[in-house]
Amino acid sequence: MKFCPDCGNNIEGMKFCNECGYKVNSDVAVKKQEPTQKVDTNNSEQELLKFSTYMFGLENQKAKVGGKFDLSIPQFNYTVTTERLIIEKQGVVSKNRDDVELYKIKDINVKQGLKEKMMKVGDIEIISIDKSDPVVTLKRIHNPLDVKETLRSAVRESKKDMKVSYREDL
């Protein structure tokens, strides 16, 4: 596979990088090993769980548009570390990343209808005290109850490590 020398995006069979617009020359494009993402900033953060939006078997599929362009289906990728939840949206042209610190999460809810229960898919709603996005919904997650429990345990450990406590008015 060939990757863009500017941004590292896959440019196999393209004339321009769909991420940064770099003009691809067959001589300039370099082969690159598995792109790595540095999550560990001070050797204390570890990856606990990695999952993505369940696309019913359409993950990493491409559709031909106008017979010329390959467009991939937008997908959300999630990573739970010991300190945060990383949400990445990989679209056709852009890539967005949002982080939610685990100690800021107040509540985690799972929503499933009858059809979703049968397919073992559901939405996870995360309520936090994050100013930029206080309610985050992780849509179409496979085995959402297992993911919720893993996330809940990570949140409890993060709050314990940060010595964060709270009380509710009764």
C-alpha atoms as a PDB file:
ATOM      1  CA  MET A   1       0.000   0.000   0.000  1.00  0.00           C
ATOM      2  CA  LYS A   2       1.133   3.544  -0.702  1.00  0.00           C
ATOM      3  CA  PHE A   3       0.737   6.391   1.755  1.00  0.00           C
ATOM      4  CA  CYS A   4       0.815  10.167   1.382  1.00  0.00           C
ATOM      5  CA  PRO A   5       4.179  11.619   2.512  1.00  0.00           C
ATOM      6  CA  ASP A   6       2.404  14.665   4.002  1.00  0.00           C
ATOM      7  CA  CYS A   7      -0.422  13.184   6.070  1.00  0.00           C
ATOM      8  CA  GLY A   8       0.079   9.398   5.942  1.00  0.00           C
ATOM      9  CA  ASN A   9      -3.324   8.693   4.349  1.00  0.00           C
ATOM     10  CA  ASN A  10      -3.742   5.671   2.035  1.00  0.00           C
ATOM     11  CA  ILE A  11      -3.305   6.900  -1.575  1.00  0.00           C
ATOM     12  CA  GLU A  12      -3.234   3.593  -3.451  1.00  0.00           C
ATOM     13  CA  GLY A  13      -4.349   4.232  -7.073  1.00  0.00           C
ATOM     14  CA  MET A  14      -5.107   7.950  -6.548  1.00  0.00           C
ATOM     15  CA  LYS A  15      -3.782  11.076  -8.251  1.00  0.00           C
ATOM     16  CA  PHE A  16      -4.463  13.320  -5.253  1.00  0.00           C
ATOM     17  CA  CYS A  17      -4.625  12.570  -1.528  1.00  0.00           C
ATOM     18  CA  ASN A  18      -8.267  12.754  -0.429  1.00  0.00           C
ATOM     19  CA  GLU A  19      -7.195  13.910   3.044  1.00  0.00           C
ATOM     20  CA  CYS A  20      -4.769  16.796   2.387  1.00  0.00           C
ATOM     21  CA  GLY A  21      -4.913  17.309  -1.400  1.00  0.00           C
ATOM     22  CA  TYR A  22      -1.254  16.411  -2.001  1.00  0.00           C
ATOM     23  CA  LYS A  23      -0.542  15.655  -5.687  1.00  0.00           C
ATOM     24  CA  VAL A  24       0.549  12.031  -5.800  1.00  0.00           C
ATOM     25  CA  ASN A  25       3.551  11.171  -7.912  1.00  0.00           C
ATOM     26  CA  SER A  26       4.304   7.484  -8.257  1.00  0.00           C
ATOM     27  CA  ASP A  27       7.940   8.218  -7.332  1.00  0.00           C
ATOM     28  CA  VAL A  28       7.167  10.361  -4.289  1.00  0.00           C
ATOM     29  CA  ALA A  29       4.559   8.192  -2.592  1.00  0.00           C
ATOM     30  CA  VAL A  30       6.259   6.093   0.023  1.00  0.00           C
ATOM     31  CA  LYS A  31       5.434   2.717   1.414  1.00  0.00           C
ATOM     32  CA  LYS A  32       4.776   2.966   5.090  1.00  0.00           C
ATOM     33  CA  GLN A  33       4.267   0.335   7.713  1.00  0.00           C
ATOM     34  CA  GLU A  34       1.212   0.176   9.942  1.00  0.00           C
ATOM     35  CA  PRO A  35       0.449   3.783  10.980  1.00  0.00           C
ATOM     36  CA  THR A  36       0.961   4.113  14.692  1.00  0.00           C
ATOM     37  CA  GLN A  37      -0.793   6.471  17.011  1.00  0.00           C
ATOM     38  CA  LYS A  38       0.994   7.568  20.112  1.00  0.00           C
ATOM     39  CA  VAL A  39      -1.483   7.411  22.966  1.00  0.00           C
ATOM     40  CA  ASP A  40       0.997   6.950  25.766  1.00  0.00           C
ATOM     41  CA  THR A  41       2.130  10.420  26.819  1.00  0.00           C
ATOM     42  CA  ASN A  42       3.807   9.712  30.149  1.00  0.00           C
ATOM     43  CA  ASN A  43       3.870   5.902  30.263  1.00  0.00           C
ATOM     44  CA  SER A  44       0.818   5.785  32.533  1.00  0.00           C
ATOM     45  CA  GLU A  45      -1.931   5.730  29.896  1.00  0.00           C
ATOM     46  CA  GLN A  46      -2.762   2.296  28.500  1.00  0.00           C
ATOM     47  CA  GLU A  47      -5.268   1.201  25.880  1.00  0.00           C
ATOM     48  CA  LEU A  48      -8.079  -0.843  27.429  1.00  0.00           C
ATOM     49  CA  LEU A  49     -10.557  -1.323  24.593  1.00  0.00           C
ATOM     50  CA  LYS A  50     -10.805  -0.488  20.909  1.00  0.00           C
ATOM     51  CA  PHE A  51     -14.101  -0.739  19.000  1.00  0.00           C
ATOM     52  CA  SER A  52     -15.966   0.926  16.160  1.00  0.00           C
ATOM     53  CA  THR A  53     -19.435   1.626  14.841  1.00  0.00           C
ATOM     54  CA  TYR A  54     -21.059  -1.618  13.712  1.00  0.00           C
ATOM     55  CA  MET A  55     -21.914  -1.180  10.036  1.00  0.00           C
ATOM     56  CA  PHE A  56     -23.720  -4.523   9.521  1.00  0.00           C
ATOM     57  CA  GLY A  57     -20.887  -6.006   7.462  1.00  0.00           C
ATOM     58  CA  LEU A  58     -20.177  -2.834   5.457  1.00  0.00           C
ATOM     59  CA  GLU A  59     -17.014  -1.857   7.347  1.00  0.00           C
ATOM     60  CA  ASN A  60     -14.194  -0.647   5.089  1.00  0.00           C
ATOM     61  CA  GLN A  61     -16.362  -1.007   1.963  1.00  0.00           C
ATOM     62  CA  LYS A  62     -16.026   1.451  -0.898  1.00  0.00           C
ATOM     63  CA  ALA A  63     -18.661   2.630  -3.324  1.00  0.00           C
ATOM     64  CA  LYS A  64     -17.992   3.773  -6.877  1.00  0.00           C
ATOM     65  CA  VAL A  65     -19.392   7.240  -7.564  1.00  0.00           C
ATOM     66  CA  GLY A  66     -19.681   8.232 -11.185  1.00  0.00           C
ATOM     67  CA  GLY A  67     -17.547   5.247 -12.112  1.00  0.00           C
ATOM     68  CA  LYS A  68     -14.395   7.144 -11.149  1.00  0.00           C
ATOM     69  CA  PHE A  69     -14.107   7.857  -7.438  1.00  0.00           C
ATOM     70  CA  ASP A  70     -13.981   5.402  -4.561  1.00  0.00           C
ATOM     71  CA  LEU A  71     -15.782   6.682  -1.487  1.00  0.00           C
ATOM     72  CA  SER A  72     -15.629   4.846   1.791  1.00  0.00           C
ATOM     73  CA  ILE A  73     -18.493   4.802   4.262  1.00  0.00           C
ATOM     74  CA  PRO A  74     -17.898   7.208   7.190  1.00  0.00           C
ATOM     75  CA  GLN A  75     -17.005   5.286  10.311  1.00  0.00           C
ATOM     76  CA  PHE A  76     -16.511   6.064  13.987  1.00  0.00           C
ATOM     77  CA  ASN A  77     -13.610   4.437  15.830  1.00  0.00           C
ATOM     78  CA  TYR A  78     -13.445   4.501  19.622  1.00  0.00           C
ATOM     79  CA  THR A  79     -10.531   3.834  21.961  1.00  0.00           C
ATOM     80  CA  VAL A  80     -10.859   3.580  25.739  1.00  0.00           C
ATOM     81  CA  THR A  81      -7.618   4.195  27.600  1.00  0.00           C
ATOM     82  CA  THR A  82      -6.983   4.391  31.327  1.00  0.00           C
ATOM     83  CA  GLU A  83      -7.462   8.178  31.143  1.00  0.00           C
ATOM     84  CA  ARG A  84      -9.851   9.042  28.303  1.00  0.00           C
ATOM     85  CA  LEU A  85     -12.287   7.994  25.612  1.00  0.00           C
ATOM     86  CA  ILE A  86     -10.990   8.865  22.146  1.00  0.00           C
ATOM     87  CA  ILE A  87     -13.634   9.305  19.434  1.00  0.00           C
ATOM     88  CA  GLU A  88     -12.430   9.445  15.825  1.00  0.00           C
ATOM     89  CA  LYS A  89     -14.677   9.974  12.807  1.00  0.00           C
ATOM     90  CA  GLN A  90     -13.111   8.909   9.536  1.00  0.00           C
ATOM     91  CA  GLY A  91     -15.096  10.380   6.685  1.00  0.00           C
ATOM     92  CA  VAL A  92     -14.628  10.588   2.950  1.00  0.00           C
ATOM     93  CA  VAL A  93     -12.541  13.753   3.061  1.00  0.00           C
ATOM     94  CA  SER A  94     -11.962  14.636   6.688  1.00  0.00           C
ATOM     95  CA  LYS A  95     -11.035  13.074   9.995  1.00  0.00           C
ATOM     96  CA  ASN A  96     -12.200  14.428  13.354  1.00  0.00           C
ATOM     97  CA  ARG A  97     -11.004  13.476  16.825  1.00  0.00           C
ATOM     98  CA  ASP A  98     -12.601  14.231  20.176  1.00  0.00           C
ATOM     99  CA  ASP A  99     -11.411  13.201  23.623  1.00  0.00           C
ATOM    100  CA  VAL A 100     -13.524  12.806  26.756  1.00  0.00           C
ATOM    101  CA  GLU A 101     -11.580  12.538  30.011  1.00  0.00           C
ATOM    102  CA  LEU A 102     -12.892   9.536  31.950  1.00  0.00           C
ATOM    103  CA  TYR A 103     -13.012  11.319  35.295  1.00  0.00           C
ATOM    104  CA  LYS A 104     -15.483  13.833  33.780  1.00  0.00           C
ATOM    105  CA  ILE A 105     -18.065  11.152  32.886  1.00  0.00           C
ATOM    106  CA  LYS A 106     -21.136  11.262  35.140  1.00  0.00           C
ATOM    107  CA  ASP A 107     -23.416   8.603  33.661  1.00  0.00           C
ATOM    108  CA  ILE A 108     -23.473   5.908  30.964  1.00  0.00           C
ATOM    109  CA  ASN A 109     -26.734   4.665  29.423  1.00  0.00           C
ATOM    110  CA  VAL A 110     -27.443   1.951  26.840  1.00  0.00           C
ATOM    111  CA  LYS A 111     -30.400   2.314  24.476  1.00  0.00           C
ATOM    112  CA  GLN A 112     -31.682  -0.663  22.481  1.00  0.00           C
ATOM    113  CA  GLY A 113     -34.922  -1.338  20.668  1.00  0.00           C
ATOM    114  CA  LEU A 114     -36.265  -4.804  19.939  1.00  0.00           C
ATOM    115  CA  LYS A 115     -34.493  -5.079  16.590  1.00  0.00           C
ATOM    116  CA  GLU A 116     -31.222  -3.868  18.111  1.00  0.00           C
ATOM    117  CA  LYS A 117     -31.470  -6.377  20.957  1.00  0.00           C
ATOM    118  CA  MET A 118     -31.841  -9.208  18.470  1.00  0.00           C
ATOM    119  CA  MET A 119     -28.792  -8.018  16.537  1.00  0.00           C
ATOM    120  CA  LYS A 120     -26.804  -7.327  19.758  1.00  0.00           C
ATOM    121  CA  VAL A 121     -26.327  -3.690  18.733  1.00  0.00           C
ATOM    122  CA  GLY A 122     -27.180  -0.533  20.636  1.00  0.00           C
ATOM    123  CA  ASP A 123     -26.370   3.098  21.342  1.00  0.00           C
ATOM    124  CA  ILE A 124     -24.317   4.147  24.353  1.00  0.00           C
ATOM    125  CA  GLU A 125     -25.081   7.606  25.720  1.00  0.00           C
ATOM    126  CA  ILE A 126     -22.341   9.216  27.814  1.00  0.00           C
ATOM    127  CA  ILE A 127     -23.230  12.173  30.020  1.00  0.00           C
ATOM    128  CA  SER A 128     -20.235  14.154  31.214  1.00  0.00           C
ATOM    129  CA  ILE A 129     -19.256  17.528  32.598  1.00  0.00           C
ATOM    130  CA  ASP A 130     -17.221  18.230  29.450  1.00  0.00           C
ATOM    131  CA  LYS A 131     -17.925  21.806  28.320  1.00  0.00           C
ATOM    132  CA  SER A 132     -17.549  21.190  24.577  1.00  0.00           C
ATOM    133  CA  ASP A 133     -19.890  18.184  24.351  1.00  0.00           C
ATOM    134  CA  PRO A 134     -21.711  17.183  27.559  1.00  0.00           C
ATOM    135  CA  VAL A 135     -23.722  14.365  25.907  1.00  0.00           C
ATOM    136  CA  VAL A 136     -21.938  12.006  23.532  1.00  0.00           C
ATOM    137  CA  THR A 137     -23.787   9.157  21.819  1.00  0.00           C
ATOM    138  CA  LEU A 138     -21.826   6.198  20.510  1.00  0.00           C
ATOM    139  CA  LYS A 139     -24.125   4.801  17.812  1.00  0.00           C
ATOM    140  CA  ARG A 140     -24.520   1.180  16.640  1.00  0.00           C
ATOM    141  CA  ILE A 141     -22.078  -0.433  19.057  1.00  0.00           C
ATOM    142  CA  HIS A 142     -21.813  -4.224  18.927  1.00  0.00           C
ATOM    143  CA  ASN A 143     -22.369  -5.816  22.391  1.00  0.00           C
ATOM    144  CA  PRO A 144     -23.103  -2.446  24.027  1.00  0.00           C
ATOM    145  CA  LEU A 145     -23.596  -3.868  27.545  1.00  0.00           C
ATOM    146  CA  ASP A 146     -20.084  -5.335  27.563  1.00  0.00           C
ATOM    147  CA  VAL A 147     -18.631  -2.065  26.281  1.00  0.00           C
ATOM    148  CA  LYS A 148     -20.604  -0.128  28.900  1.00  0.00           C
ATOM    149  CA  GLU A 149     -19.257  -2.281  31.736  1.00  0.00           C
ATOM    150  CA  THR A 150     -15.671  -1.920  30.519  1.00  0.00           C
ATOM    151  CA  LEU A 151     -16.141   1.843  30.220  1.00  0.00           C
ATOM    152  CA  ARG A 152     -17.798   2.025  33.654  1.00  0.00           C
ATOM    153  CA  SER A 153     -14.894   0.171  35.286  1.00  0.00           C
ATOM    154  CA  ALA A 154     -12.394   2.447  33.570  1.00  0.00           C
ATOM    155  CA  VAL A 155     -14.315   5.540  34.743  1.00  0.00           C
ATOM    156  CA  ARG A 156     -14.325   4.293  38.352  1.00  0.00           C
ATOM    157  CA  GLU A 157     -10.586   3.568  38.260  1.00  0.00           C
ATOM    158  CA  SER A 158      -9.840   6.950  36.683  1.00  0.00           C
ATOM    159  CA  LYS A 159     -11.863   8.786  39.334  1.00  0.00           C
ATOM    160  CA  LYS A 160     -10.137   6.799  42.060  1.00  0.00           C
ATOM    161  CA  ASP A 161      -6.678   7.594  40.623  1.00  0.00           C
ATOM    162  CA  MET A 162      -7.525  11.293  40.255  1.00  0.00           C
ATOM    163  CA  LYS A 163      -9.068  11.335  43.748  1.00  0.00           C
ATOM    164  CA  VAL A 164     -12.315  12.698  42.349  1.00  0.00           C
ATOM    165  CA  SER A 165     -15.438  12.203  44.404  1.00  0.00           C
ATOM    166  CA  TYR A 166     -18.909  13.605  44.110  1.00  0.00           C
ATOM    167  CA  ARG A 167     -22.146  13.562  46.007  1.00  0.00           C
ATOM    168  CA  GLU A 168     -25.678  14.017  44.899  1.00  0.00           C
ATOM    169  CA  ASP A 169     -28.356  16.018  46.633  1.00  0.00           C
ATOM    170  CA  LEU A 170     -31.113  13.719  47.821  1.00  0.00           C
END
